[in-house]
Amino acid sequence: MAILSLAQIYLSNRLATYGRNLKLIEKEIALIEERNSQVKSETASRGGLAKLEDMALEKGFNKNPMVKNLSSKVPVALNP
């Protein structure tokens, strides 16, 4: 009988511990979901990529800048 009582106490303790851990995990999930919501809202308020592209063009960024290749087949030091 004593063994059963000890087993019941042990199992009750384990269940209480699991319940506490579950509550902590649920709280962490809620915080992550809230932060995710905030990030989505910030992204939406910025208007997406099209608005970001317009803002970049207004600040002087080029959409398709001409690329110049400055490398030569012969090292610069050997050119006359």
PDB file of N, CA and C in Angstrom:
ATOM      1  N   MET A   1       0.809  -1.186   0.000  1.00  0.00           N
ATOM      2  CA  MET A   1       0.000   0.000   0.000  1.00  0.00           C
ATOM      3  C   MET A   1       0.864   1.267   0.000  1.00  0.00           C
ATOM      4  N   ALA A   2       1.971   1.231   0.745  1.00  0.00           N
ATOM      5  CA  ALA A   2       2.862   2.389   0.830  1.00  0.00           C
ATOM      6  C   ALA A   2       3.502   2.677  -0.530  1.00  0.00           C
ATOM      7  N   ILE A   3       3.778   1.616  -1.271  1.00  0.00           N
ATOM      8  CA  ILE A   3       4.395   1.785  -2.589  1.00  0.00           C
ATOM      9  C   ILE A   3       3.434   2.515  -3.526  1.00  0.00           C
ATOM     10  N   LEU A   4       2.158   2.147  -3.463  1.00  0.00           N
ATOM     11  CA  LEU A   4       1.161   2.805  -4.304  1.00  0.00           C
ATOM     12  C   LEU A   4       1.016   4.281  -3.922  1.00  0.00           C
ATOM     13  N   SER A   5       1.062   4.562  -2.649  1.00  0.00           N
ATOM     14  CA  SER A   5       0.961   5.950  -2.193  1.00  0.00           C
ATOM     15  C   SER A   5       2.155   6.770  -2.679  1.00  0.00           C
ATOM     16  N   LEU A   6       3.358   6.203  -2.598  1.00  0.00           N
ATOM     17  CA  LEU A   6       4.554   6.886  -3.081  1.00  0.00           C
ATOM     18  C   LEU A   6       4.491   7.100  -4.591  1.00  0.00           C
ATOM     19  N   ALA A   7       3.997   6.108  -5.313  1.00  0.00           N
ATOM     20  CA  ALA A   7       3.858   6.233  -6.761  1.00  0.00           C
ATOM     21  C   ALA A   7       2.861   7.332  -7.109  1.00  0.00           C
ATOM     22  N   GLN A   8       1.770   7.398  -6.360  1.00  0.00           N
ATOM     23  CA  GLN A   8       0.768   8.440  -6.604  1.00  0.00           C
ATOM     24  C   GLN A   8       1.349   9.825  -6.332  1.00  0.00           C
ATOM     25  N   ILE A   9       2.107   9.974  -5.268  1.00  0.00           N
ATOM     26  CA  ILE A   9       2.737  11.262  -4.937  1.00  0.00           C
ATOM     27  C   ILE A   9       3.730  11.647  -6.038  1.00  0.00           C
ATOM     28  N   TYR A  10       4.529  10.687  -6.486  1.00  0.00           N
ATOM     29  CA  TYR A  10       5.514  10.946  -7.536  1.00  0.00           C
ATOM     30  C   TYR A  10       4.828  11.394  -8.827  1.00  0.00           C
ATOM     31  N   LEU A  11       3.795  10.669  -9.221  1.00  0.00           N
ATOM     32  CA  LEU A  11       3.085  10.998 -10.459  1.00  0.00           C
ATOM     33  C   LEU A  11       2.383  12.353 -10.356  1.00  0.00           C
ATOM     34  N   SER A  12       1.825  12.646  -9.201  1.00  0.00           N
ATOM     35  CA  SER A  12       1.174  13.942  -9.002  1.00  0.00           C
ATOM     36  C   SER A  12       2.191  15.074  -9.129  1.00  0.00           C
ATOM     37  N   ASN A  13       3.355  14.868  -8.570  1.00  0.00           N
ATOM     38  CA  ASN A  13       4.417  15.861  -8.649  1.00  0.00           C
ATOM     39  C   ASN A  13       4.848  16.062 -10.104  1.00  0.00           C
ATOM     40  N   ARG A  14       5.015  14.985 -10.844  1.00  0.00           N
ATOM     41  CA  ARG A  14       5.415  15.075 -12.250  1.00  0.00           C
ATOM     42  C   ARG A  14       4.352  15.813 -13.070  1.00  0.00           C
ATOM     43  N   LEU A  15       3.093  15.513 -12.832  1.00  0.00           N
ATOM     44  CA  LEU A  15       2.019  16.178 -13.562  1.00  0.00           C
ATOM     45  C   LEU A  15       1.991  17.676 -13.266  1.00  0.00           C
ATOM     46  N   ALA A  16       2.211  18.032 -12.019  1.00  0.00           N
ATOM     47  CA  ALA A  16       2.232  19.448 -11.652  1.00  0.00           C
ATOM     48  C   ALA A  16       3.397  20.166 -12.343  1.00  0.00           C
ATOM     49  N   THR A  17       4.547  19.492 -12.404  1.00  0.00           N
ATOM     50  CA  THR A  17       5.710  20.060 -13.079  1.00  0.00           C
ATOM     51  C   THR A  17       5.436  20.235 -14.563  1.00  0.00           C
ATOM     52  N   TYR A  18       4.850  19.233 -15.199  1.00  0.00           N
ATOM     53  CA  TYR A  18       4.509  19.324 -16.618  1.00  0.00           C
ATOM     54  C   TYR A  18       3.505  20.441 -16.874  1.00  0.00           C
ATOM     55  N   GLY A  19       2.559  20.599 -15.980  1.00  0.00           N
ATOM     56  CA  GLY A  19       1.574  21.670 -16.122  1.00  0.00           C
ATOM     57  C   GLY A  19       2.212  23.049 -16.043  1.00  0.00           C
ATOM     58  N   ARG A  20       3.154  23.217 -15.127  1.00  0.00           N
ATOM     59  CA  ARG A  20       3.853  24.491 -14.982  1.00  0.00           C
ATOM     60  C   ARG A  20       4.675  24.780 -16.232  1.00  0.00           C
ATOM     61  N   ASN A  21       5.372  23.772 -16.727  1.00  0.00           N
ATOM     62  CA  ASN A  21       6.169  23.949 -17.940  1.00  0.00           C
ATOM     63  C   ASN A  21       5.274  24.292 -19.141  1.00  0.00           C
ATOM     64  N   LEU A  22       4.126  23.665 -19.202  1.00  0.00           N
ATOM     65  CA  LEU A  22       3.185  23.928 -20.286  1.00  0.00           C
ATOM     66  C   LEU A  22       2.711  25.378 -20.238  1.00  0.00           C
ATOM     67  N   LYS A  23       2.421  25.881 -19.054  1.00  0.00           N
ATOM     68  CA  LYS A  23       1.993  27.282 -18.908  1.00  0.00           C
ATOM     69  C   LYS A  23       3.088  28.239 -19.367  1.00  0.00           C
ATOM     70  N   LEU A  24       4.335  27.953 -19.016  1.00  0.00           N
ATOM     71  CA  LEU A  24       5.445  28.802 -19.445  1.00  0.00           C
ATOM     72  C   LEU A  24       5.587  28.807 -20.966  1.00  0.00           C
ATOM     73  N   ILE A  25       5.441  27.648 -21.569  1.00  0.00           N
ATOM     74  CA  ILE A  25       5.534  27.544 -23.028  1.00  0.00           C
ATOM     75  C   ILE A  25       4.382  28.281 -23.691  1.00  0.00           C
ATOM     76  N   GLU A  26       3.187  28.154 -23.146  1.00  0.00           N
ATOM     77  CA  GLU A  26       2.031  28.863 -23.712  1.00  0.00           C
ATOM     78  C   GLU A  26       2.223  30.380 -23.614  1.00  0.00           C
ATOM     79  N   LYS A  27       2.799  30.845 -22.525  1.00  0.00           N
ATOM     80  CA  LYS A  27       3.058  32.271 -22.352  1.00  0.00           C
ATOM     81  C   LYS A  27       4.079  32.744 -23.390  1.00  0.00           C
ATOM     82  N   GLU A  28       5.112  31.955 -23.609  1.00  0.00           N
ATOM     83  CA  GLU A  28       6.134  32.302 -24.593  1.00  0.00           C
ATOM     84  C   GLU A  28       5.537  32.332 -26.010  1.00  0.00           C
ATOM     85  N   ILE A  29       4.671  31.392 -26.319  1.00  0.00           N
ATOM     86  CA  ILE A  29       3.998  31.365 -27.621  1.00  0.00           C
ATOM     87  C   ILE A  29       3.163  32.625 -27.817  1.00  0.00           C
ATOM     88  N   ALA A  30       2.451  33.034 -26.781  1.00  0.00           N
ATOM     89  CA  ALA A  30       1.627  34.240 -26.865  1.00  0.00           C
ATOM     90  C   ALA A  30       2.491  35.470 -27.135  1.00  0.00           C
ATOM     91  N   LEU A  31       3.644  35.570 -26.483  1.00  0.00           N
ATOM     92  CA  LEU A  31       4.547  36.701 -26.705  1.00  0.00           C
ATOM     93  C   LEU A  31       5.093  36.702 -28.130  1.00  0.00           C
ATOM     94  N   ILE A  32       5.446  35.533 -28.641  1.00  0.00           N
ATOM     95  CA  ILE A  32       5.966  35.425 -30.006  1.00  0.00           C
ATOM     96  C   ILE A  32       4.883  35.783 -31.014  1.00  0.00           C
ATOM     97  N   GLU A  33       3.665  35.330 -30.790  1.00  0.00           N
ATOM     98  CA  GLU A  33       2.565  35.658 -31.697  1.00  0.00           C
ATOM     99  C   GLU A  33       2.285  37.162 -31.697  1.00  0.00           C
ATOM    100  N   GLU A  34       2.379  37.799 -30.534  1.00  0.00           N
ATOM    101  CA  GLU A  34       2.166  39.240 -30.439  1.00  0.00           C
ATOM    102  C   GLU A  34       3.251  39.986 -31.216  1.00  0.00           C
ATOM    103  N   ARG A  35       4.498  39.566 -31.053  1.00  0.00           N
ATOM    104  CA  ARG A  35       5.608  40.206 -31.773  1.00  0.00           C
ATOM    105  C   ARG A  35       5.453  39.987 -33.284  1.00  0.00           C
ATOM    106  N   ASN A  36       5.029  38.812 -33.684  1.00  0.00           N
ATOM    107  CA  ASN A  36       4.807  38.513 -35.092  1.00  0.00           C
ATOM    108  C   ASN A  36       3.742  39.444 -35.670  1.00  0.00           C
ATOM    109  N   SER A  37       2.710  39.690 -34.906  1.00  0.00           N
ATOM    110  CA  SER A  37       1.652  40.616 -35.307  1.00  0.00           C
ATOM    111  C   SER A  37       2.203  42.022 -35.502  1.00  0.00           C
ATOM    112  N   GLN A  38       3.042  42.457 -34.583  1.00  0.00           N
ATOM    113  CA  GLN A  38       3.636  43.782 -34.682  1.00  0.00           C
ATOM    114  C   GLN A  38       4.494  43.907 -35.938  1.00  0.00           C
ATOM    115  N   VAL A  39       5.279  42.882 -36.225  1.00  0.00           N
ATOM    116  CA  VAL A  39       6.144  42.911 -37.406  1.00  0.00           C
ATOM    117  C   VAL A  39       5.303  42.936 -38.681  1.00  0.00           C
ATOM    118  N   LYS A  40       4.233  42.159 -38.716  1.00  0.00           N
ATOM    119  CA  LYS A  40       3.351  42.164 -39.889  1.00  0.00           C
ATOM    120  C   LYS A  40       2.722  43.539 -40.078  1.00  0.00           C
ATOM    121  N   SER A  41       2.329  44.155 -38.989  1.00  0.00           N
ATOM    122  CA  SER A  41       1.725  45.487 -39.055  1.00  0.00           C
ATOM    123  C   SER A  41       2.726  46.516 -39.562  1.00  0.00           C
ATOM    124  N   GLU A  42       3.954  46.469 -39.071  1.00  0.00           N
ATOM    125  CA  GLU A  42       4.989  47.389 -39.531  1.00  0.00           C
ATOM    126  C   GLU A  42       5.261  47.201 -41.018  1.00  0.00           C
ATOM    127  N   THR A  43       5.300  45.959 -41.456  1.00  0.00           N
ATOM    128  CA  THR A  43       5.543  45.660 -42.865  1.00  0.00           C
ATOM    129  C   THR A  43       4.410  46.193 -43.722  1.00  0.00           C
ATOM    130  N   ALA A  44       3.189  46.004 -43.278  1.00  0.00           N
ATOM    131  CA  ALA A  44       2.031  46.475 -44.040  1.00  0.00           C
ATOM    132  C   ALA A  44       1.999  47.997 -44.084  1.00  0.00           C
ATOM    133  N   SER A  45       2.389  48.648 -43.008  1.00  0.00           N
ATOM    134  CA  SER A  45       2.350  50.110 -42.982  1.00  0.00           C
ATOM    135  C   SER A  45       3.392  50.717 -43.909  1.00  0.00           C
ATOM    136  N   ARG A  46       4.425  49.980 -44.175  1.00  0.00           N
ATOM    137  CA  ARG A  46       5.451  50.470 -45.099  1.00  0.00           C
ATOM    138  C   ARG A  46       5.024  50.311 -46.552  1.00  0.00           C
ATOM    139  N   GLY A  47       3.977  49.553 -46.803  1.00  0.00           N
ATOM    140  CA  GLY A  47       3.411  49.458 -48.146  1.00  0.00           C
ATOM    141  C   GLY A  47       4.058  48.431 -49.040  1.00  0.00           C
ATOM    142  N   GLY A  48       4.875  47.597 -48.521  1.00  0.00           N
ATOM    143  CA  GLY A  48       5.445  46.535 -49.326  1.00  0.00           C
ATOM    144  C   GLY A  48       6.612  46.996 -50.185  1.00  0.00           C
ATOM    145  N   LEU A  49       6.983  46.145 -51.119  1.00  0.00           N
ATOM    146  CA  LEU A  49       8.167  46.380 -51.934  1.00  0.00           C
ATOM    147  C   LEU A  49       7.998  47.532 -52.918  1.00  0.00           C
ATOM    148  N   ALA A  50       6.800  47.713 -53.447  1.00  0.00           N
ATOM    149  CA  ALA A  50       6.580  48.782 -54.418  1.00  0.00           C
ATOM    150  C   ALA A  50       6.838  50.147 -53.783  1.00  0.00           C
ATOM    151  N   LYS A  51       6.338  50.351 -52.577  1.00  0.00           N
ATOM    152  CA  LYS A  51       6.547  51.624 -51.895  1.00  0.00           C
ATOM    153  C   LYS A  51       8.021  51.791 -51.531  1.00  0.00           C
ATOM    154  N   LEU A  52       8.652  50.720 -51.125  1.00  0.00           N
ATOM    155  CA  LEU A  52      10.061  50.769 -50.782  1.00  0.00           C
ATOM    156  C   LEU A  52      10.893  51.149 -52.005  1.00  0.00           C
ATOM    157  N   GLU A  53      10.530  50.607 -53.164  1.00  0.00           N
ATOM    158  CA  GLU A  53      11.229  50.950 -54.406  1.00  0.00           C
ATOM    159  C   GLU A  53      11.055  52.434 -54.733  1.00  0.00           C
ATOM    160  N   ASP A  54       9.844  52.948 -54.581  1.00  0.00           N
ATOM    161  CA  ASP A  54       9.586  54.376 -54.833  1.00  0.00           C
ATOM    162  C   ASP A  54      10.402  55.260 -53.889  1.00  0.00           C
ATOM    163  N   MET A  55      10.464  54.873 -52.629  1.00  0.00           N
ATOM    164  CA  MET A  55      11.237  55.648 -51.659  1.00  0.00           C
ATOM    165  C   MET A  55      12.722  55.646 -52.034  1.00  0.00           C
ATOM    166  N   ALA A  56      13.228  54.514 -52.489  1.00  0.00           N
ATOM    167  CA  ALA A  56      14.636  54.413 -52.878  1.00  0.00           C
ATOM    168  C   ALA A  56      14.917  55.305 -54.079  1.00  0.00           C
ATOM    169  N   LEU A  57      14.019  55.307 -55.055  1.00  0.00           N
ATOM    170  CA  LEU A  57      14.198  56.162 -56.235  1.00  0.00           C
ATOM    171  C   LEU A  57      14.176  57.640 -55.846  1.00  0.00           C
ATOM    172  N   GLU A  58      13.307  58.014 -54.907  1.00  0.00           N
ATOM    173  CA  GLU A  58      13.240  59.400 -54.439  1.00  0.00           C
ATOM    174  C   GLU A  58      14.547  59.829 -53.758  1.00  0.00           C
ATOM    175  N   LYS A  59      15.220  58.882 -53.118  1.00  0.00           N
ATOM    176  CA  LYS A  59      16.456  59.199 -52.405  1.00  0.00           C
ATOM    177  C   LYS A  59      17.687  59.111 -53.303  1.00  0.00           C
ATOM    178  N   GLY A  60      17.457  58.854 -54.608  1.00  0.00           N
ATOM    179  CA  GLY A  60      18.576  58.871 -55.539  1.00  0.00           C
ATOM    180  C   GLY A  60      19.150  57.526 -55.915  1.00  0.00           C
ATOM    181  N   PHE A  61      18.569  56.455 -55.457  1.00  0.00           N
ATOM    182  CA  PHE A  61      19.045  55.141 -55.861  1.00  0.00           C
ATOM    183  C   PHE A  61      18.598  54.881 -57.292  1.00  0.00           C
ATOM    184  N   ASN A  62      19.435  54.197 -58.059  1.00  0.00           N
ATOM    185  CA  ASN A  62      19.088  53.856 -59.437  1.00  0.00           C
ATOM    186  C   ASN A  62      18.452  52.487 -59.485  1.00  0.00           C
ATOM    187  N   LYS A  63      17.456  52.353 -60.354  1.00  0.00           N
ATOM    188  CA  LYS A  63      16.777  51.065 -60.460  1.00  0.00           C
ATOM    189  C   LYS A  63      17.683  50.041 -61.140  1.00  0.00           C
ATOM    190  N   ASN A  64      18.258  50.403 -62.274  1.00  0.00           N
ATOM    191  CA  ASN A  64      19.165  49.522 -63.006  1.00  0.00           C
ATOM    192  C   ASN A  64      20.419  50.298 -63.384  1.00  0.00           C
ATOM    193  N   PRO A  65      21.342  50.456 -62.476  1.00  0.00           N
ATOM    194  CA  PRO A  65      22.535  51.238 -62.793  1.00  0.00           C
ATOM    195  C   PRO A  65      23.411  50.510 -63.809  1.00  0.00           C
ATOM    196  N   MET A  66      24.130  51.291 -64.626  1.00  0.00           N
ATOM    197  CA  MET A  66      25.045  50.701 -65.592  1.00  0.00           C
ATOM    198  C   MET A  66      26.253  50.171 -64.828  1.00  0.00           C
ATOM    199  N   VAL A  67      26.626  48.953 -65.112  1.00  0.00           N
ATOM    200  CA  VAL A  67      27.755  48.330 -64.438  1.00  0.00           C
ATOM    201  C   VAL A  67      28.966  48.431 -65.350  1.00  0.00           C
ATOM    202  N   LYS A  68      30.064  48.917 -64.832  1.00  0.00           N
ATOM    203  CA  LYS A  68      31.301  49.015 -65.593  1.00  0.00           C
ATOM    204  C   LYS A  68      32.302  48.042 -65.010  1.00  0.00           C
ATOM    205  N   ASN A  69      32.880  47.241 -65.889  1.00  0.00           N
ATOM    206  CA  ASN A  69      33.877  46.267 -65.470  1.00  0.00           C
ATOM    207  C   ASN A  69      35.247  46.895 -65.648  1.00  0.00           C
ATOM    208  N   LEU A  70      35.983  47.047 -64.591  1.00  0.00           N
ATOM    209  CA  LEU A  70      37.281  47.702 -64.644  1.00  0.00           C
ATOM    210  C   LEU A  70      38.440  46.722 -64.743  1.00  0.00           C
ATOM    211  N   SER A  71      38.160  45.457 -64.772  1.00  0.00           N
ATOM    212  CA  SER A  71      39.259  44.493 -64.831  1.00  0.00           C
ATOM    213  C   SER A  71      39.764  44.365 -66.268  1.00  0.00           C
ATOM    214  N   SER A  72      41.046  44.074 -66.416  1.00  0.00           N
ATOM    215  CA  SER A  72      41.640  43.846 -67.734  1.00  0.00           C
ATOM    216  C   SER A  72      42.318  42.489 -67.724  1.00  0.00           C
ATOM    217  N   LYS A  73      42.652  42.011 -68.892  1.00  0.00           N
ATOM    218  CA  LYS A  73      43.281  40.683 -68.982  1.00  0.00           C
ATOM    219  C   LYS A  73      44.706  40.724 -68.468  1.00  0.00           C
ATOM    220  N   VAL A  74      45.370  41.866 -68.650  1.00  0.00           N
ATOM    221  CA  VAL A  74      46.749  42.028 -68.197  1.00  0.00           C
ATOM    222  C   VAL A  74      46.722  42.866 -66.930  1.00  0.00           C
ATOM    223  N   PRO A  75      47.481  42.512 -65.917  1.00  0.00           N
ATOM    224  CA  PRO A  75      47.509  43.320 -64.704  1.00  0.00           C
ATOM    225  C   PRO A  75      47.902  44.765 -64.998  1.00  0.00           C
ATOM    226  N   VAL A  76      47.386  45.698 -64.250  1.00  0.00           N
ATOM    227  CA  VAL A  76      47.602  47.123 -64.459  1.00  0.00           C
ATOM    228  C   VAL A  76      49.094  47.463 -64.407  1.00  0.00           C
ATOM    229  N   ALA A  77      49.851  46.836 -63.576  1.00  0.00           N
ATOM    230  CA  ALA A  77      51.269  47.151 -63.426  1.00  0.00           C
ATOM    231  C   ALA A  77      52.051  46.831 -64.691  1.00  0.00           C
ATOM    232  N   LEU A  78      51.564  45.908 -65.523  1.00  0.00           N
ATOM    233  CA  LEU A  78      52.292  45.534 -66.729  1.00  0.00           C
ATOM    234  C   LEU A  78      51.869  46.346 -67.949  1.00  0.00           C
ATOM    235  N   ASN A  79      50.817  47.173 -67.843  1.00  0.00           N
ATOM    236  CA  ASN A  79      50.366  47.983 -68.980  1.00  0.00           C
ATOM    237  C   ASN A  79      51.350  49.138 -69.201  1.00  0.00           C
ATOM    238  N   PRO A  80      51.663  49.445 -70.469  1.00  0.00           N
ATOM    239  CA  PRO A  80      52.597  50.557 -70.729  1.00  0.00           C
ATOM    240  C   PRO A  80      51.953  51.903 -70.475  1.00  0.00           C
TER     241      PRO A  80
END
